[in-house]
Amino acid sequence: MNGITPIKWLDQPEEHDYPAAQSYLELIYEEAIVRKYVQELRAAGIATFMAKDIFRASALSLLGISSQRVESDRQKVASGKSMSPLLLVRDSGNGKVIVADGYHRLCAVYSYDETALIPCKIV
């Protein structure tokens, strides 16, 4: 083993992740579209992608460990606590992936191991 603590994940997103995703998506899309996306996310299976690929596809900036939420999630990784999978939406019109929920977890995992596989629900 390479000495890195393995990153643990829950089998499914936590229930509170869906309203969080909805709140974020409502900033981008109309209400009917958001309801459709959240319903599809709930029904979607789990896929896995490398942290670095999610960042590239999302075009988001990496939050550093100066972010309290990122540091908290890094501590979860280090202590072996399981984290919730990400919720992603493909924005084909803009050629991006929207991180509807899990941005801080993504940043924490990337800073820990950019090639780590992250479980996600994606629609």
PDB file of N, CA and C in Angstrom:
ATOM      1  N   MET A   1       0.847  -1.191   0.000  1.00  0.00           N
ATOM      2  CA  MET A   1       0.000   0.000   0.000  1.00  0.00           C
ATOM      3  C   MET A   1       0.881   1.239   0.000  1.00  0.00           C
ATOM      4  N   ASN A   2       0.372   2.322  -0.576  1.00  0.00           N
ATOM      5  CA  ASN A   2       1.161   3.539  -0.741  1.00  0.00           C
ATOM      6  C   ASN A   2       1.107   4.475   0.465  1.00  0.00           C
ATOM      7  N   GLY A   3       0.458   4.089   1.536  1.00  0.00           N
ATOM      8  CA  GLY A   3       0.415   4.902   2.739  1.00  0.00           C
ATOM      9  C   GLY A   3      -0.713   5.918   2.756  1.00  0.00           C
ATOM     10  N   ILE A   4      -1.470   6.011   1.667  1.00  0.00           N
ATOM     11  CA  ILE A   4      -2.598   6.938   1.613  1.00  0.00           C
ATOM     12  C   ILE A   4      -3.834   6.228   2.161  1.00  0.00           C
ATOM     13  N   THR A   5      -4.533   6.901   3.062  1.00  0.00           N
ATOM     14  CA  THR A   5      -5.771   6.354   3.593  1.00  0.00           C
ATOM     15  C   THR A   5      -6.778   6.243   2.452  1.00  0.00           C
ATOM     16  N   PRO A   6      -7.398   5.075   2.281  1.00  0.00           N
ATOM     17  CA  PRO A   6      -8.396   4.965   1.208  1.00  0.00           C
ATOM     18  C   PRO A   6      -9.592   5.870   1.480  1.00  0.00           C
ATOM     19  N   ILE A   7     -10.124   6.443   0.412  1.00  0.00           N
ATOM     20  CA  ILE A   7     -11.277   7.322   0.533  1.00  0.00           C
ATOM     21  C   ILE A   7     -12.527   6.451   0.559  1.00  0.00           C
ATOM     22  N   LYS A   8     -13.344   6.659   1.572  1.00  0.00           N
ATOM     23  CA  LYS A   8     -14.558   5.860   1.736  1.00  0.00           C
ATOM     24  C   LYS A   8     -15.779   6.668   1.314  1.00  0.00           C
ATOM     25  N   TRP A   9     -16.719   5.952   0.714  1.00  0.00           N
ATOM     26  CA  TRP A   9     -17.931   6.582   0.201  1.00  0.00           C
ATOM     27  C   TRP A   9     -19.164   5.828   0.667  1.00  0.00           C
ATOM     28  N   LEU A  10     -20.228   6.552   0.865  1.00  0.00           N
ATOM     29  CA  LEU A  10     -21.526   5.930   1.103  1.00  0.00           C
ATOM     30  C   LEU A  10     -22.000   5.299  -0.203  1.00  0.00           C
ATOM     31  N   ASP A  11     -22.887   4.335  -0.123  1.00  0.00           N
ATOM     32  CA  ASP A  11     -23.423   3.693  -1.321  1.00  0.00           C
ATOM     33  C   ASP A  11     -24.320   4.626  -2.118  1.00  0.00           C
ATOM     34  N   GLN A  12     -24.999   5.534  -1.426  1.00  0.00           N
ATOM     35  CA  GLN A  12     -25.936   6.465  -2.053  1.00  0.00           C
ATOM     36  C   GLN A  12     -25.765   7.854  -1.426  1.00  0.00           C
ATOM     37  N   PRO A  13     -26.150   8.899  -2.166  1.00  0.00           N
ATOM     38  CA  PRO A  13     -26.119  10.231  -1.571  1.00  0.00           C
ATOM     39  C   PRO A  13     -27.042  10.301  -0.347  1.00  0.00           C
ATOM     40  N   GLU A  14     -26.727  11.182   0.558  1.00  0.00           N
ATOM     41  CA  GLU A  14     -27.577  11.392   1.723  1.00  0.00           C
ATOM     42  C   GLU A  14     -28.822  12.169   1.295  1.00  0.00           C
ATOM     43  N   GLU A  15     -29.908  11.968   2.011  1.00  0.00           N
ATOM     44  CA  GLU A  15     -31.183  12.593   1.634  1.00  0.00           C
ATOM     45  C   GLU A  15     -31.066  14.112   1.525  1.00  0.00           C
ATOM     46  N   HIS A  16     -30.307  14.745   2.412  1.00  0.00           N
ATOM     47  CA  HIS A  16     -30.207  16.208   2.395  1.00  0.00           C
ATOM     48  C   HIS A  16     -29.422  16.738   1.200  1.00  0.00           C
ATOM     49  N   ASP A  17     -28.744  15.857   0.458  1.00  0.00           N
ATOM     50  CA  ASP A  17     -28.002  16.304  -0.725  1.00  0.00           C
ATOM     51  C   ASP A  17     -28.938  16.745  -1.857  1.00  0.00           C
ATOM     52  N   TYR A  18     -30.096  16.119  -1.949  1.00  0.00           N
ATOM     53  CA  TYR A  18     -31.028  16.447  -3.035  1.00  0.00           C
ATOM     54  C   TYR A  18     -31.612  17.860  -2.905  1.00  0.00           C
ATOM     55  N   PRO A  19     -32.099  18.273  -1.727  1.00  0.00           N
ATOM     56  CA  PRO A  19     -32.550  19.669  -1.606  1.00  0.00           C
ATOM     57  C   PRO A  19     -31.399  20.670  -1.815  1.00  0.00           C
ATOM     58  N   ALA A  20     -30.187  20.299  -1.407  1.00  0.00           N
ATOM     59  CA  ALA A  20     -29.032  21.174  -1.631  1.00  0.00           C
ATOM     60  C   ALA A  20     -28.782  21.327  -3.138  1.00  0.00           C
ATOM     61  N   ALA A  21     -28.863  20.216  -3.857  1.00  0.00           N
ATOM     62  CA  ALA A  21     -28.695  20.264  -5.316  1.00  0.00           C
ATOM     63  C   ALA A  21     -29.797  21.108  -5.941  1.00  0.00           C
ATOM     64  N   GLN A  22     -31.019  20.927  -5.465  1.00  0.00           N
ATOM     65  CA  GLN A  22     -32.142  21.688  -5.997  1.00  0.00           C
ATOM     66  C   GLN A  22     -31.935  23.183  -5.789  1.00  0.00           C
ATOM     67  N   SER A  23     -31.505  23.560  -4.611  1.00  0.00           N
ATOM     68  CA  SER A  23     -31.282  24.966  -4.304  1.00  0.00           C
ATOM     69  C   SER A  23     -30.249  25.579  -5.257  1.00  0.00           C
ATOM     70  N   TYR A  24     -29.183  24.851  -5.499  1.00  0.00           N
ATOM     71  CA  TYR A  24     -28.144  25.355  -6.404  1.00  0.00           C
ATOM     72  C   TYR A  24     -28.651  25.418  -7.844  1.00  0.00           C
ATOM     73  N   LEU A  25     -29.295  24.354  -8.295  1.00  0.00           N
ATOM     74  CA  LEU A  25     -29.772  24.301  -9.676  1.00  0.00           C
ATOM     75  C   LEU A  25     -30.820  25.368  -9.961  1.00  0.00           C
ATOM     76  N   GLU A  26     -31.591  25.780  -8.937  1.00  0.00           N
ATOM     77  CA  GLU A  26     -32.596  26.832  -9.118  1.00  0.00           C
ATOM     78  C   GLU A  26     -31.969  28.178  -9.483  1.00  0.00           C
ATOM     79  N   LEU A  27     -30.687  28.338  -9.226  1.00  0.00           N
ATOM     80  CA  LEU A  27     -29.987  29.552  -9.642  1.00  0.00           C
ATOM     81  C   LEU A  27     -29.704  29.555 -11.144  1.00  0.00           C
ATOM     82  N   ILE A  28     -29.729  28.380 -11.749  1.00  0.00           N
ATOM     83  CA  ILE A  28     -29.328  28.236 -13.144  1.00  0.00           C
ATOM     84  C   ILE A  28     -30.505  27.957 -14.067  1.00  0.00           C
ATOM     85  N   TYR A  29     -31.444  27.139 -13.594  1.00  0.00           N
ATOM     86  CA  TYR A  29     -32.537  26.659 -14.426  1.00  0.00           C
ATOM     87  C   TYR A  29     -33.895  27.060 -13.855  1.00  0.00           C
ATOM     88  N   GLU A  30     -34.902  26.984 -14.707  1.00  0.00           N
ATOM     89  CA  GLU A  30     -36.269  27.222 -14.273  1.00  0.00           C
ATOM     90  C   GLU A  30     -36.743  26.061 -13.407  1.00  0.00           C
ATOM     91  N   GLU A  31     -37.744  26.358 -12.581  1.00  0.00           N
ATOM     92  CA  GLU A  31     -38.223  25.414 -11.575  1.00  0.00           C
ATOM     93  C   GLU A  31     -38.617  24.051 -12.152  1.00  0.00           C
ATOM     94  N   ALA A  32     -39.301  24.028 -13.269  1.00  0.00           N
ATOM     95  CA  ALA A  32     -39.746  22.751 -13.856  1.00  0.00           C
ATOM     96  C   ALA A  32     -38.551  21.905 -14.290  1.00  0.00           C
ATOM     97  N   ILE A  33     -37.546  22.534 -14.807  1.00  0.00           N
ATOM     98  CA  ILE A  33     -36.343  21.809 -15.235  1.00  0.00           C
ATOM     99  C   ILE A  33     -35.614  21.265 -14.016  1.00  0.00           C
ATOM    100  N   VAL A  34     -35.546  22.058 -12.964  1.00  0.00           N
ATOM    101  CA  VAL A  34     -34.878  21.629 -11.731  1.00  0.00           C
ATOM    102  C   VAL A  34     -35.593  20.425 -11.132  1.00  0.00           C
ATOM    103  N   ARG A  35     -36.912  20.472 -11.070  1.00  0.00           N
ATOM    104  CA  ARG A  35     -37.667  19.326 -10.540  1.00  0.00           C
ATOM    105  C   ARG A  35     -37.351  18.064 -11.339  1.00  0.00           C
ATOM    106  N   LYS A  36     -37.285  18.188 -12.651  1.00  0.00           N
ATOM    107  CA  LYS A  36     -36.970  17.058 -13.526  1.00  0.00           C
ATOM    108  C   LYS A  36     -35.565  16.521 -13.228  1.00  0.00           C
ATOM    109  N   TYR A  37     -34.604  17.417 -13.108  1.00  0.00           N
ATOM    110  CA  TYR A  37     -33.228  16.987 -12.815  1.00  0.00           C
ATOM    111  C   TYR A  37     -33.134  16.276 -11.473  1.00  0.00           C
ATOM    112  N   VAL A  38     -33.764  16.826 -10.449  1.00  0.00           N
ATOM    113  CA  VAL A  38     -33.686  16.214  -9.123  1.00  0.00           C
ATOM    114  C   VAL A  38     -34.357  14.842  -9.134  1.00  0.00           C
ATOM    115  N   GLN A  39     -35.485  14.733  -9.814  1.00  0.00           N
ATOM    116  CA  GLN A  39     -36.155  13.434  -9.935  1.00  0.00           C
ATOM    117  C   GLN A  39     -35.246  12.433 -10.659  1.00  0.00           C
ATOM    118  N   GLU A  40     -34.600  12.862 -11.724  1.00  0.00           N
ATOM    119  CA  GLU A  40     -33.693  11.988 -12.473  1.00  0.00           C
ATOM    120  C   GLU A  40     -32.468  11.608 -11.635  1.00  0.00           C
ATOM    121  N   LEU A  41     -31.965  12.557 -10.849  1.00  0.00           N
ATOM    122  CA  LEU A  41     -30.818  12.252  -9.980  1.00  0.00           C
ATOM    123  C   LEU A  41     -31.188  11.197  -8.950  1.00  0.00           C
ATOM    124  N   ARG A  42     -32.360  11.320  -8.374  1.00  0.00           N
ATOM    125  CA  ARG A  42     -32.800  10.321  -7.395  1.00  0.00           C
ATOM    126  C   ARG A  42     -32.843   8.924  -8.010  1.00  0.00           C
ATOM    127  N   ALA A  43     -33.243   8.823  -9.268  1.00  0.00           N
ATOM    128  CA  ALA A  43     -33.396   7.529  -9.934  1.00  0.00           C
ATOM    129  C   ALA A  43     -32.104   7.015 -10.575  1.00  0.00           C
ATOM    130  N   ALA A  44     -31.136   7.882 -10.746  1.00  0.00           N
ATOM    131  CA  ALA A  44     -29.903   7.508 -11.457  1.00  0.00           C
ATOM    132  C   ALA A  44     -29.072   6.502 -10.666  1.00  0.00           C
ATOM    133  N   GLY A  45     -28.349   5.687 -11.397  1.00  0.00           N
ATOM    134  CA  GLY A  45     -27.389   4.782 -10.782  1.00  0.00           C
ATOM    135  C   GLY A  45     -26.099   5.520 -10.467  1.00  0.00           C
ATOM    136  N   ILE A  46     -25.221   4.819  -9.807  1.00  0.00           N
ATOM    137  CA  ILE A  46     -23.923   5.397  -9.442  1.00  0.00           C
ATOM    138  C   ILE A  46     -22.911   5.130 -10.560  1.00  0.00           C
ATOM    139  N   ALA A  47     -22.205   6.179 -10.937  1.00  0.00           N
ATOM    140  CA  ALA A  47     -21.084   6.090 -11.880  1.00  0.00           C
ATOM    141  C   ALA A  47     -19.846   6.597 -11.150  1.00  0.00           C
ATOM    142  N   THR A  48     -18.669   6.273 -11.638  1.00  0.00           N
ATOM    143  CA  THR A  48     -17.445   6.785 -11.007  1.00  0.00           C
ATOM    144  C   THR A  48     -16.590   7.514 -12.039  1.00  0.00           C
ATOM    145  N   PHE A  49     -15.999   8.603 -11.579  1.00  0.00           N
ATOM    146  CA  PHE A  49     -15.112   9.410 -12.407  1.00  0.00           C
ATOM    147  C   PHE A  49     -13.939   9.872 -11.555  1.00  0.00           C
ATOM    148  N   MET A  50     -12.793  10.086 -12.193  1.00  0.00           N
ATOM    149  CA  MET A  50     -11.638  10.612 -11.472  1.00  0.00           C
ATOM    150  C   MET A  50     -11.884  12.065 -11.080  1.00  0.00           C
ATOM    151  N   ALA A  51     -11.392  12.435  -9.919  1.00  0.00           N
ATOM    152  CA  ALA A  51     -11.552  13.807  -9.425  1.00  0.00           C
ATOM    153  C   ALA A  51     -11.059  14.813 -10.454  1.00  0.00           C
ATOM    154  N   LYS A  52      -9.905  14.569 -11.044  1.00  0.00           N
ATOM    155  CA  LYS A  52      -9.347  15.530 -12.004  1.00  0.00           C
ATOM    156  C   LYS A  52     -10.236  15.679 -13.233  1.00  0.00           C
ATOM    157  N   ASP A  53     -10.902  14.610 -13.649  1.00  0.00           N
ATOM    158  CA  ASP A  53     -11.775  14.685 -14.814  1.00  0.00           C
ATOM    159  C   ASP A  53     -13.053  15.461 -14.512  1.00  0.00           C
ATOM    160  N   ILE A  54     -13.571  15.307 -13.298  1.00  0.00           N
ATOM    161  CA  ILE A  54     -14.755  16.087 -12.912  1.00  0.00           C
ATOM    162  C   ILE A  54     -14.404  17.564 -12.901  1.00  0.00           C
ATOM    163  N   PHE A  55     -13.237  17.909 -12.382  1.00  0.00           N
ATOM    164  CA  PHE A  55     -12.821  19.314 -12.377  1.00  0.00           C
ATOM    165  C   PHE A  55     -12.693  19.849 -13.788  1.00  0.00           C
ATOM    166  N   ARG A  56     -12.069  19.091 -14.656  1.00  0.00           N
ATOM    167  CA  ARG A  56     -11.908  19.543 -16.037  1.00  0.00           C
ATOM    168  C   ARG A  56     -13.260  19.744 -16.701  1.00  0.00           C
ATOM    169  N   ALA A  57     -14.177  18.803 -16.511  1.00  0.00           N
ATOM    170  CA  ALA A  57     -15.493  18.876 -17.152  1.00  0.00           C
ATOM    171  C   ALA A  57     -16.356  20.002 -16.577  1.00  0.00           C
ATOM    172  N   SER A  58     -16.144  20.328 -15.312  1.00  0.00           N
ATOM    173  CA  SER A  58     -16.953  21.365 -14.672  1.00  0.00           C
ATOM    174  C   SER A  58     -16.387  22.766 -14.882  1.00  0.00           C
ATOM    175  N   ALA A  59     -15.109  22.863 -15.167  1.00  0.00           N
ATOM    176  CA  ALA A  59     -14.416  24.144 -15.325  1.00  0.00           C
ATOM    177  C   ALA A  59     -14.464  24.991 -14.054  1.00  0.00           C
ATOM    178  N   LEU A  60     -14.629  24.336 -12.909  1.00  0.00           N
ATOM    179  CA  LEU A  60     -14.647  25.040 -11.625  1.00  0.00           C
ATOM    180  C   LEU A  60     -13.227  25.285 -11.125  1.00  0.00           C
ATOM    181  N   SER A  61     -13.092  26.253 -10.255  1.00  0.00           N
ATOM    182  CA  SER A  61     -11.813  26.501  -9.588  1.00  0.00           C
ATOM    183  C   SER A  61     -11.717  25.603  -8.367  1.00  0.00           C
ATOM    184  N   LEU A  62     -10.520  25.207  -8.042  1.00  0.00           N
ATOM    185  CA  LEU A  62     -10.270  24.386  -6.865  1.00  0.00           C
ATOM    186  C   LEU A  62     -10.226  25.268  -5.626  1.00  0.00           C
ATOM    187  N   LEU A  63     -11.067  24.941  -4.645  1.00  0.00           N
ATOM    188  CA  LEU A  63     -11.005  25.634  -3.356  1.00  0.00           C
ATOM    189  C   LEU A  63      -9.869  25.030  -2.556  1.00  0.00           C
ATOM    190  N   GLY A  64      -9.099  25.854  -1.899  1.00  0.00           N
ATOM    191  CA  GLY A  64      -7.982  25.375  -1.108  1.00  0.00           C
ATOM    192  C   GLY A  64      -8.399  24.972   0.291  1.00  0.00           C
ATOM    193  N   ILE A  65      -7.418  24.508   1.033  1.00  0.00           N
ATOM    194  CA  ILE A  65      -7.692  24.065   2.397  1.00  0.00           C
ATOM    195  C   ILE A  65      -8.013  25.239   3.318  1.00  0.00           C
ATOM    196  N   SER A  66      -7.910  26.476   2.795  1.00  0.00           N
ATOM    197  CA  SER A  66      -8.334  27.617   3.597  1.00  0.00           C
ATOM    198  C   SER A  66      -9.865  27.645   3.729  1.00  0.00           C
ATOM    199  N   SER A  67     -10.541  26.877   2.895  1.00  0.00           N
ATOM    200  CA  SER A  67     -11.993  26.752   3.021  1.00  0.00           C
ATOM    201  C   SER A  67     -12.297  25.801   4.168  1.00  0.00           C
ATOM    202  N   GLN A  68     -13.095  26.262   5.111  1.00  0.00           N
ATOM    203  CA  GLN A  68     -13.444  25.445   6.279  1.00  0.00           C
ATOM    204  C   GLN A  68     -14.145  24.156   5.877  1.00  0.00           C
ATOM    205  N   ARG A  69     -15.054  24.228   4.908  1.00  0.00           N
ATOM    206  CA  ARG A  69     -15.794  23.045   4.455  1.00  0.00           C
ATOM    207  C   ARG A  69     -14.864  22.040   3.774  1.00  0.00           C
ATOM    208  N   VAL A  70     -13.922  22.526   2.980  1.00  0.00           N
ATOM    209  CA  VAL A  70     -12.972  21.628   2.323  1.00  0.00           C
ATOM    210  C   VAL A  70     -12.100  20.962   3.378  1.00  0.00           C
ATOM    211  N   GLU A  71     -11.629  21.734   4.327  1.00  0.00           N
ATOM    212  CA  GLU A  71     -10.784  21.162   5.382  1.00  0.00           C
ATOM    213  C   GLU A  71     -11.554  20.132   6.194  1.00  0.00           C
ATOM    214  N   SER A  72     -12.814  20.406   6.480  1.00  0.00           N
ATOM    215  CA  SER A  72     -13.643  19.450   7.209  1.00  0.00           C
ATOM    216  C   SER A  72     -13.764  18.135   6.426  1.00  0.00           C
ATOM    217  N   ASP A  73     -13.968  18.232   5.124  1.00  0.00           N
ATOM    218  CA  ASP A  73     -14.062  17.021   4.311  1.00  0.00           C
ATOM    219  C   ASP A  73     -12.713  16.316   4.188  1.00  0.00           C
ATOM    220  N   ARG A  74     -11.626  17.059   4.158  1.00  0.00           N
ATOM    221  CA  ARG A  74     -10.292  16.426   4.153  1.00  0.00           C
ATOM    222  C   ARG A  74     -10.086  15.632   5.449  1.00  0.00           C
ATOM    223  N   GLN A  75     -10.568  16.172   6.550  1.00  0.00           N
ATOM    224  CA  GLN A  75     -10.453  15.474   7.834  1.00  0.00           C
ATOM    225  C   GLN A  75     -11.281  14.191   7.831  1.00  0.00           C
ATOM    226  N   LYS A  76     -12.452  14.235   7.174  1.00  0.00           N
ATOM    227  CA  LYS A  76     -13.264  13.021   7.041  1.00  0.00           C
ATOM    228  C   LYS A  76     -12.480  11.943   6.296  1.00  0.00           C
ATOM    229  N   VAL A  77     -11.831  12.339   5.222  1.00  0.00           N
ATOM    230  CA  VAL A  77     -11.031  11.381   4.444  1.00  0.00           C
ATOM    231  C   VAL A  77      -9.937  10.799   5.320  1.00  0.00           C
ATOM    232  N   ALA A  78      -9.193  11.659   5.996  1.00  0.00           N
ATOM    233  CA  ALA A  78      -8.070  11.214   6.821  1.00  0.00           C
ATOM    234  C   ALA A  78      -8.510  10.305   7.960  1.00  0.00           C
ATOM    235  N   SER A  79      -9.717  10.535   8.483  1.00  0.00           N
ATOM    236  CA  SER A  79     -10.185   9.723   9.612  1.00  0.00           C
ATOM    237  C   SER A  79     -10.955   8.481   9.160  1.00  0.00           C
ATOM    238  N   GLY A  80     -11.101   8.310   7.843  1.00  0.00           N
ATOM    239  CA  GLY A  80     -11.763   7.119   7.330  1.00  0.00           C
ATOM    240  C   GLY A  80     -13.283   7.169   7.361  1.00  0.00           C
ATOM    241  N   LYS A  81     -13.851   8.369   7.503  1.00  0.00           N
ATOM    242  CA  LYS A  81     -15.311   8.490   7.487  1.00  0.00           C
ATOM    243  C   LYS A  81     -15.807   8.481   6.045  1.00  0.00           C
ATOM    244  N   SER A  82     -16.963   7.870   5.831  1.00  0.00           N
ATOM    245  CA  SER A  82     -17.546   7.796   4.496  1.00  0.00           C
ATOM    246  C   SER A  82     -18.210   9.111   4.122  1.00  0.00           C
ATOM    247  N   MET A  83     -18.044   9.475   2.853  1.00  0.00           N
ATOM    248  CA  MET A  83     -18.659  10.694   2.334  1.00  0.00           C
ATOM    249  C   MET A  83     -19.730  10.343   1.314  1.00  0.00           C
ATOM    250  N   SER A  84     -20.580  11.298   1.060  1.00  0.00           N
ATOM    251  CA  SER A  84     -21.700  11.135   0.142  1.00  0.00           C
ATOM    252  C   SER A  84     -21.229  11.315  -1.298  1.00  0.00           C
ATOM    253  N   PRO A  85     -21.719  10.476  -2.216  1.00  0.00           N
ATOM    254  CA  PRO A  85     -21.400  10.663  -3.642  1.00  0.00           C
ATOM    255  C   PRO A  85     -21.846  12.039  -4.139  1.00  0.00           C
ATOM    256  N   LEU A  86     -21.252  12.489  -5.229  1.00  0.00           N
ATOM    257  CA  LEU A  86     -21.595  13.774  -5.822  1.00  0.00           C
ATOM    258  C   LEU A  86     -22.853  13.665  -6.667  1.00  0.00           C
ATOM    259  N   LEU A  87     -23.518  14.788  -6.854  1.00  0.00           N
ATOM    260  CA  LEU A  87     -24.662  14.888  -7.750  1.00  0.00           C
ATOM    261  C   LEU A  87     -24.276  15.830  -8.890  1.00  0.00           C
ATOM    262  N   LEU A  88     -24.277  15.310 -10.108  1.00  0.00           N
ATOM    263  CA  LEU A  88     -23.814  16.046 -11.280  1.00  0.00           C
ATOM    264  C   LEU A  88     -24.903  16.138 -12.335  1.00  0.00           C
ATOM    265  N   VAL A  89     -24.897  17.255 -13.073  1.00  0.00           N
ATOM    266  CA  VAL A  89     -25.824  17.456 -14.185  1.00  0.00           C
ATOM    267  C   VAL A  89     -25.006  17.844 -15.410  1.00  0.00           C
ATOM    268  N   ARG A  90     -25.255  17.146 -16.517  1.00  0.00           N
ATOM    269  CA  ARG A  90     -24.588  17.493 -17.778  1.00  0.00           C
ATOM    270  C   ARG A  90     -25.287  18.707 -18.393  1.00  0.00           C
ATOM    271  N   ASP A  91     -24.523  19.746 -18.620  1.00  0.00           N
ATOM    272  CA  ASP A  91     -25.022  20.948 -19.288  1.00  0.00           C
ATOM    273  C   ASP A  91     -24.491  20.917 -20.716  1.00  0.00           C
ATOM    274  N   SER A  92     -25.171  20.146 -21.560  1.00  0.00           N
ATOM    275  CA  SER A  92     -24.703  19.924 -22.929  1.00  0.00           C
ATOM    276  C   SER A  92     -24.599  21.211 -23.725  1.00  0.00           C
ATOM    277  N   GLY A  93     -25.501  22.128 -23.485  1.00  0.00           N
ATOM    278  CA  GLY A  93     -25.488  23.398 -24.210  1.00  0.00           C
ATOM    279  C   GLY A  93     -24.210  24.184 -24.010  1.00  0.00           C
ATOM    280  N   ASN A  94     -23.599  24.037 -22.849  1.00  0.00           N
ATOM    281  CA  ASN A  94     -22.356  24.753 -22.538  1.00  0.00           C
ATOM    282  C   ASN A  94     -21.147  23.833 -22.503  1.00  0.00           C
ATOM    283  N   GLY A  95     -21.369  22.539 -22.735  1.00  0.00           N
ATOM    284  CA  GLY A  95     -20.248  21.601 -22.734  1.00  0.00           C
ATOM    285  C   GLY A  95     -19.579  21.459 -21.383  1.00  0.00           C
ATOM    286  N   LYS A  96     -20.364  21.522 -20.307  1.00  0.00           N
ATOM    287  CA  LYS A  96     -19.822  21.425 -18.950  1.00  0.00           C
ATOM    288  C   LYS A  96     -20.637  20.445 -18.120  1.00  0.00           C
ATOM    289  N   VAL A  97     -20.071  20.091 -16.990  1.00  0.00           N
ATOM    290  CA  VAL A  97     -20.791  19.329 -15.976  1.00  0.00           C
ATOM    291  C   VAL A  97     -21.003  20.263 -14.790  1.00  0.00           C
ATOM    292  N   ILE A  98     -22.235  20.322 -14.320  1.00  0.00           N
ATOM    293  CA  ILE A  98     -22.557  21.150 -13.157  1.00  0.00           C
ATOM    294  C   ILE A  98     -22.479  20.270 -11.921  1.00  0.00           C
ATOM    295  N   VAL A  99     -21.706  20.694 -10.940  1.00  0.00           N
ATOM    296  CA  VAL A  99     -21.654  19.995  -9.656  1.00  0.00           C
ATOM    297  C   VAL A  99     -22.812  20.552  -8.835  1.00  0.00           C
ATOM    298  N   ALA A 100     -23.940  19.843  -8.902  1.00  0.00           N
ATOM    299  CA  ALA A 100     -25.148  20.292  -8.219  1.00  0.00           C
ATOM    300  C   ALA A 100     -25.007  20.153  -6.709  1.00  0.00           C
ATOM    301  N   ASP A 101     -24.290  19.124  -6.259  1.00  0.00           N
ATOM    302  CA  ASP A 101     -23.999  18.959  -4.838  1.00  0.00           C
ATOM    303  C   ASP A 101     -22.696  18.181  -4.703  1.00  0.00           C
ATOM    304  N   GLY A 102     -21.829  18.658  -3.816  1.00  0.00           N
ATOM    305  CA  GLY A 102     -20.589  17.951  -3.527  1.00  0.00           C
ATOM    306  C   GLY A 102     -19.325  18.696  -3.906  1.00  0.00           C
ATOM    307  N   TYR A 103     -19.434  19.989  -4.207  1.00  0.00           N
ATOM    308  CA  TYR A 103     -18.264  20.766  -4.613  1.00  0.00           C
ATOM    309  C   TYR A 103     -17.143  20.728  -3.572  1.00  0.00           C
ATOM    310  N   HIS A 104     -17.484  20.896  -2.306  1.00  0.00           N
ATOM    311  CA  HIS A 104     -16.457  20.875  -1.263  1.00  0.00           C
ATOM    312  C   HIS A 104     -15.833  19.489  -1.124  1.00  0.00           C
ATOM    313  N   ARG A 105     -16.649  18.450  -1.252  1.00  0.00           N
ATOM    314  CA  ARG A 105     -16.109  17.076  -1.211  1.00  0.00           C
ATOM    315  C   ARG A 105     -15.172  16.847  -2.381  1.00  0.00           C
ATOM    316  N   LEU A 106     -15.561  17.328  -3.554  1.00  0.00           N
ATOM    317  CA  LEU A 106     -14.711  17.200  -4.732  1.00  0.00           C
ATOM    318  C   LEU A 106     -13.363  17.883  -4.508  1.00  0.00           C
ATOM    319  N   CYS A 107     -13.388  19.097  -3.985  1.00  0.00           N
ATOM    320  CA  CYS A 107     -12.141  19.829  -3.721  1.00  0.00           C
ATOM    321  C   CYS A 107     -11.272  19.098  -2.704  1.00  0.00           C
ATOM    322  N   ALA A 108     -11.898  18.582  -1.665  1.00  0.00           N
ATOM    323  CA  ALA A 108     -11.149  17.861  -0.631  1.00  0.00           C
ATOM    324  C   ALA A 108     -10.487  16.616  -1.206  1.00  0.00           C
ATOM    325  N   VAL A 109     -11.245  15.861  -1.970  1.00  0.00           N
ATOM    326  CA  VAL A 109     -10.706  14.623  -2.542  1.00  0.00           C
ATOM    327  C   VAL A 109      -9.609  14.942  -3.540  1.00  0.00           C
ATOM    328  N   TYR A 110      -9.812  15.935  -4.387  1.00  0.00           N
ATOM    329  CA  TYR A 110      -8.799  16.312  -5.377  1.00  0.00           C
ATOM    330  C   TYR A 110      -7.492  16.710  -4.693  1.00  0.00           C
ATOM    331  N   SER A 111      -7.593  17.470  -3.611  1.00  0.00           N
ATOM    332  CA  SER A 111      -6.377  17.904  -2.918  1.00  0.00           C
ATOM    333  C   SER A 111      -5.677  16.732  -2.225  1.00  0.00           C
ATOM    334  N   TYR A 112      -6.421  15.694  -1.978  1.00  0.00           N
ATOM    335  CA  TYR A 112      -5.900  14.491  -1.331  1.00  0.00           C
ATOM    336  C   TYR A 112      -5.298  13.536  -2.366  1.00  0.00           C
ATOM    337  N   ASP A 113      -6.016  13.341  -3.488  1.00  0.00           N
ATOM    338  CA  ASP A 113      -5.568  12.443  -4.553  1.00  0.00           C
ATOM    339  C   ASP A 113      -6.354  12.779  -5.816  1.00  0.00           C
ATOM    340  N   GLU A 114      -5.736  13.496  -6.748  1.00  0.00           N
ATOM    341  CA  GLU A 114      -6.455  13.952  -7.945  1.00  0.00           C
ATOM    342  C   GLU A 114      -6.928  12.819  -8.851  1.00  0.00           C
ATOM    343  N   THR A 115      -6.349  11.642  -8.698  1.00  0.00           N
ATOM    344  CA  THR A 115      -6.779  10.502  -9.525  1.00  0.00           C
ATOM    345  C   THR A 115      -7.793   9.602  -8.806  1.00  0.00           C
ATOM    346  N   ALA A 116      -8.214  10.016  -7.626  1.00  0.00           N
ATOM    347  CA  ALA A 116      -9.188   9.216  -6.874  1.00  0.00           C
ATOM    348  C   ALA A 116     -10.490   9.101  -7.659  1.00  0.00           C
ATOM    349  N   LEU A 117     -11.060   7.905  -7.614  1.00  0.00           N
ATOM    350  CA  LEU A 117     -12.366   7.687  -8.234  1.00  0.00           C
ATOM    351  C   LEU A 117     -13.454   8.142  -7.283  1.00  0.00           C
ATOM    352  N   ILE A 118     -14.362   8.981  -7.805  1.00  0.00           N
ATOM    353  CA  ILE A 118     -15.435   9.528  -6.992  1.00  0.00           C
ATOM    354  C   ILE A 118     -16.764   8.976  -7.506  1.00  0.00           C
ATOM    355  N   PRO A 119     -17.566   8.367  -6.631  1.00  0.00           N
ATOM    356  CA  PRO A 119     -18.891   7.929  -7.051  1.00  0.00           C
ATOM    357  C   PRO A 119     -19.809   9.143  -7.220  1.00  0.00           C
ATOM    358  N   CYS A 120     -20.610   9.075  -8.250  1.00  0.00           N
ATOM    359  CA  CYS A 120     -21.493  10.200  -8.597  1.00  0.00           C
ATOM    360  C   CYS A 120     -22.803   9.666  -9.151  1.00  0.00           C
ATOM    361  N   LYS A 121     -23.815  10.488  -9.025  1.00  0.00           N
ATOM    362  CA  LYS A 121     -25.025  10.305  -9.810  1.00  0.00           C
ATOM    363  C   LYS A 121     -24.976  11.432 -10.841  1.00  0.00           C
ATOM    364  N   ILE A 122     -25.163  11.083 -12.121  1.00  0.00           N
ATOM    365  CA  ILE A 122     -25.068  12.074 -13.183  1.00  0.00           C
ATOM    366  C   ILE A 122     -26.223  11.918 -14.149  1.00  0.00           C
ATOM    367  N   VAL A 123     -26.814  13.058 -14.487  1.00  0.00           N
ATOM    368  CA  VAL A 123     -27.913  13.074 -15.471  1.00  0.00           C
ATOM    369  C   VAL A 123     -27.644  14.136 -16.507  1.00  0.00           C
TER     370      VAL A 123
END
